[in-house]
Protein backbone atom coordinates (compact mmCIF):
# COMPACT_ATOMS: atom_id res chain seq x y z
CA UNK A 1 -17.95 18.61 -8.26
CA UNK A 2 -15.48 17.07 -5.84
CA UNK A 3 -12.64 15.11 -7.40
CA UNK A 4 -9.70 13.01 -6.30
CA UNK A 5 -6.65 12.23 -8.42
CA UNK A 6 -4.79 9.28 -6.95
CA UNK A 7 -2.29 6.53 -7.48
CA UNK A 8 -4.35 3.34 -7.49
CA UNK A 9 -1.84 1.04 -5.81
CA UNK A 10 -0.12 3.74 -3.77
CA UNK A 11 3.43 3.39 -5.06
CA UNK A 12 5.76 5.82 -3.26
CA UNK A 13 7.02 9.12 -4.63
CA UNK A 14 7.19 9.50 -8.40
CA UNK A 15 7.14 5.76 -9.20
CA UNK A 16 4.75 4.57 -11.95
CA UNK A 17 1.25 3.44 -10.97
CA UNK A 18 -2.28 3.32 -12.31
CA UNK A 19 -3.89 6.77 -12.18
CA UNK A 20 -7.28 7.01 -10.55
CA UNK A 21 -9.79 9.84 -10.95
CA UNK A 22 -12.88 9.91 -8.78
CA UNK A 23 -15.61 12.47 -9.42
CA UNK A 24 -18.59 13.25 -7.19
CA UNK A 25 -21.40 15.18 -8.85
CA UNK A 26 -23.81 16.70 -6.34
CA UNK A 27 -27.46 15.73 -6.53
CA UNK A 28 -29.73 18.45 -7.96
CA UNK A 29 -32.30 18.07 -5.17
CA UNK A 30 -31.55 18.07 -1.42
CA UNK A 31 -32.87 14.54 -0.84
CA UNK A 32 -30.96 12.99 -3.74
CA UNK A 33 -27.71 11.09 -3.53
CA UNK A 34 -24.56 12.24 -5.30
CA UNK A 35 -23.24 10.49 -8.39
CA UNK A 36 -19.76 8.99 -8.02
CA UNK A 37 -17.76 8.19 -11.15
CA UNK A 38 -14.46 6.32 -10.90
CA UNK A 39 -11.99 6.14 -13.78
CA UNK A 40 -8.57 4.51 -14.06
CA UNK A 41 -5.72 4.76 -16.56
CA UNK A 42 -6.61 2.38 -19.37
CA UNK A 43 -6.96 2.17 -23.10
CA UNK A 44 -9.90 3.77 -24.87
CA UNK A 45 -10.38 1.44 -27.84
CA UNK A 46 -13.44 -0.80 -28.08
CA UNK A 47 -11.71 -3.66 -26.19
CA UNK A 48 -9.02 -1.84 -24.25
CA UNK A 49 -11.49 0.50 -22.52
CA UNK A 50 -12.71 -2.49 -20.51
CA UNK A 51 -9.70 -4.74 -20.05
CA UNK A 52 -6.46 -2.85 -20.55
CA UNK A 53 -5.35 -1.25 -17.31
CA UNK A 54 -2.33 0.85 -18.15
CA UNK A 55 0.23 2.03 -15.61
CA UNK A 56 1.34 5.63 -16.08
CA UNK A 57 4.74 7.23 -15.67
CA UNK A 58 3.46 10.83 -15.81
CA UNK A 59 0.26 12.76 -15.06
CA UNK A 60 0.37 14.47 -18.45
CA UNK A 61 -1.84 13.51 -21.42
CA UNK A 62 -3.30 10.44 -19.71
CA UNK A 63 -6.46 8.58 -20.75
CA UNK A 64 -8.70 7.06 -18.08
CA UNK A 65 -11.95 5.09 -18.49
CA UNK A 66 -14.70 3.71 -16.29
CA UNK A 67 -13.60 0.09 -17.05
CA UNK A 68 -17.22 -0.96 -16.56
CA UNK A 69 -19.98 0.49 -18.70
CA UNK A 70 -22.76 2.57 -17.19
CA UNK A 71 -26.18 1.15 -18.04
CA UNK A 72 -28.67 3.85 -19.00
CA UNK A 73 -31.93 3.50 -20.96
CA UNK A 74 -31.08 -0.06 -22.05
CA UNK A 75 -27.70 0.94 -23.50
CA UNK A 76 -24.13 0.64 -22.23
CA UNK A 77 -22.27 3.94 -21.97
CA UNK A 78 -18.57 4.47 -21.36
CA UNK A 79 -16.90 7.53 -19.91
CA UNK A 80 -13.36 8.60 -20.68
CA UNK A 81 -11.32 11.33 -19.04
CA UNK A 82 -8.19 12.91 -20.44
CA UNK A 83 -5.87 15.18 -18.52
CA UNK A 84 -5.61 18.34 -20.59
CA UNK A 85 -3.29 20.37 -18.33
CA UNK A 86 0.47 20.00 -18.14
CA UNK A 87 0.91 18.98 -14.51
CA UNK A 88 4.68 18.99 -14.71
CA UNK A 89 7.18 17.29 -12.47
CA UNK A 90 9.15 14.14 -12.98
CA UNK A 91 7.21 10.92 -12.77
CA UNK A 92 3.96 10.39 -10.92
CA UNK A 93 4.33 12.30 -7.64
CA UNK A 94 1.14 13.46 -5.88
CA UNK A 95 3.01 16.58 -4.73
CA UNK A 96 3.13 17.66 -8.39
CA UNK A 97 -0.69 17.48 -8.53
CA UNK A 98 -0.97 19.62 -5.39
CA UNK A 99 1.48 22.20 -6.77
CA UNK A 100 -0.39 22.39 -10.08
CA UNK A 101 -3.70 22.93 -8.24
CA UNK A 102 -2.12 25.73 -6.22
CA UNK A 103 -0.75 27.34 -9.45
CA UNK A 104 -4.04 27.48 -11.32
CA UNK A 105 -5.81 24.15 -11.56
CA UNK A 106 -6.03 21.05 -13.70
CA UNK A 107 -8.30 20.70 -16.72
CA UNK A 108 -9.85 17.32 -17.49
CA UNK A 109 -11.95 16.62 -20.58
CA UNK A 110 -14.74 14.04 -20.32
CA UNK A 111 -16.01 12.07 -23.30
CA UNK A 112 -18.81 9.53 -23.70
CA UNK A 113 -19.35 6.54 -25.97
CA UNK A 114 -22.47 4.43 -26.43
CA UNK A 115 -21.69 0.74 -26.74
CA UNK A 116 -18.85 0.20 -29.20
CA UNK A 117 -19.23 3.67 -30.67
CA UNK A 118 -16.66 6.41 -30.85
CA UNK A 119 -16.12 8.77 -27.95
CA UNK A 120 -17.66 12.23 -28.27
CA UNK A 121 -17.08 15.28 -26.04
CA UNK A 122 -19.30 15.46 -22.96
CA UNK A 123 -17.85 18.01 -20.52
CA UNK A 124 -14.76 19.76 -19.25
CA UNK A 125 -13.99 19.69 -15.54
CA UNK A 126 -11.72 22.22 -13.85
CA UNK A 127 -10.03 20.99 -10.69
CA UNK A 128 -9.22 24.17 -8.76
CA UNK A 129 -8.39 23.49 -5.12
CA UNK A 130 -7.15 20.94 -2.62
CA UNK A 131 -9.64 19.93 0.08
CA UNK A 132 -8.70 18.08 3.23
CA UNK A 133 -11.90 16.04 3.53
CA UNK A 134 -11.59 12.27 3.11
CA UNK A 135 -14.42 11.51 0.68
CA UNK A 136 -15.47 7.86 0.31
CA UNK A 137 -16.46 7.39 -3.31
CA UNK A 138 -18.74 4.47 -4.24
CA UNK A 139 -19.84 4.24 -7.89
CA UNK A 140 -22.17 1.32 -7.17
CA UNK A 141 -24.26 2.96 -4.43
CA UNK A 142 -23.96 6.59 -5.54
CA UNK A 143 -25.41 6.72 -9.05
CA UNK A 144 -27.52 9.12 -11.05
CA UNK A 145 -31.22 8.22 -11.47
CA UNK A 146 -31.62 5.41 -14.00
CA UNK A 147 -27.86 4.69 -14.16
CA UNK A 148 -26.14 1.53 -12.90
CA UNK A 149 -22.82 -0.21 -13.40
CA UNK A 150 -23.01 -3.16 -15.77
CA UNK A 151 -22.85 -6.16 -15.62
CA UNK A 152 -24.80 -6.44 -12.38
CA UNK A 153 -22.80 -9.40 -10.97
CA UNK A 154 -19.57 -7.39 -11.24
CA UNK A 155 -21.24 -4.32 -9.73
CA UNK A 156 -22.32 -6.49 -6.77
CA UNK A 157 -18.75 -7.70 -6.33
CA UNK A 158 -17.46 -4.12 -6.39
CA UNK A 159 -20.14 -3.04 -3.88
CA UNK A 160 -18.82 -5.59 -1.38
CA UNK A 161 -15.24 -4.47 -2.00
CA UNK A 162 -16.12 -0.79 -1.41
CA UNK A 163 -18.04 -1.69 1.76
CA UNK A 164 -15.05 -3.64 3.13
CA UNK A 165 -12.71 -0.80 2.18
CA UNK A 166 -14.85 1.71 4.11
CA UNK A 167 -14.99 -0.67 7.09
CA UNK A 168 -11.20 -1.08 7.03
CA UNK A 169 -10.66 2.69 6.92
CA UNK A 170 -13.41 3.39 9.46
CA UNK A 171 -14.99 5.67 6.83
CA UNK A 172 -18.59 6.84 6.68
CA UNK A 173 -21.05 4.44 5.08
């Protein structure tokens, strides 16, 4: 798994921002595409998981969700991530994330919820190193077999936004 922890709006230094977590799960077969999952700091209640973006003032004990459900086998599924490691530092500085990775890694717990149901544990991800590659995540194009973002009209809107973002950064398609 390749992951990126980021500040969604790019505020400087330790200033508050929305926390972003992007995960890329490699495809099991060589010809398959990876699965990209993007989460942002938000609430995790039935309504707030979809509409309540929440700026963060610290990396510690944060809750992030997919904001849009993942459609799988005719049901809507939500993913939630929670930072389980004490990242330390004052505020929301990316340098604190780098230092924590160099000191032993960052643990993130992943939970899932079907529809309006409660979240249940799904996985634990260990972030262990800093890589210098600029990975272009796209949760609309890069999905697991049988999974799509829902509703479709919003997924189409996001697909155009990601395409324009890659064009603007001269990133790989």
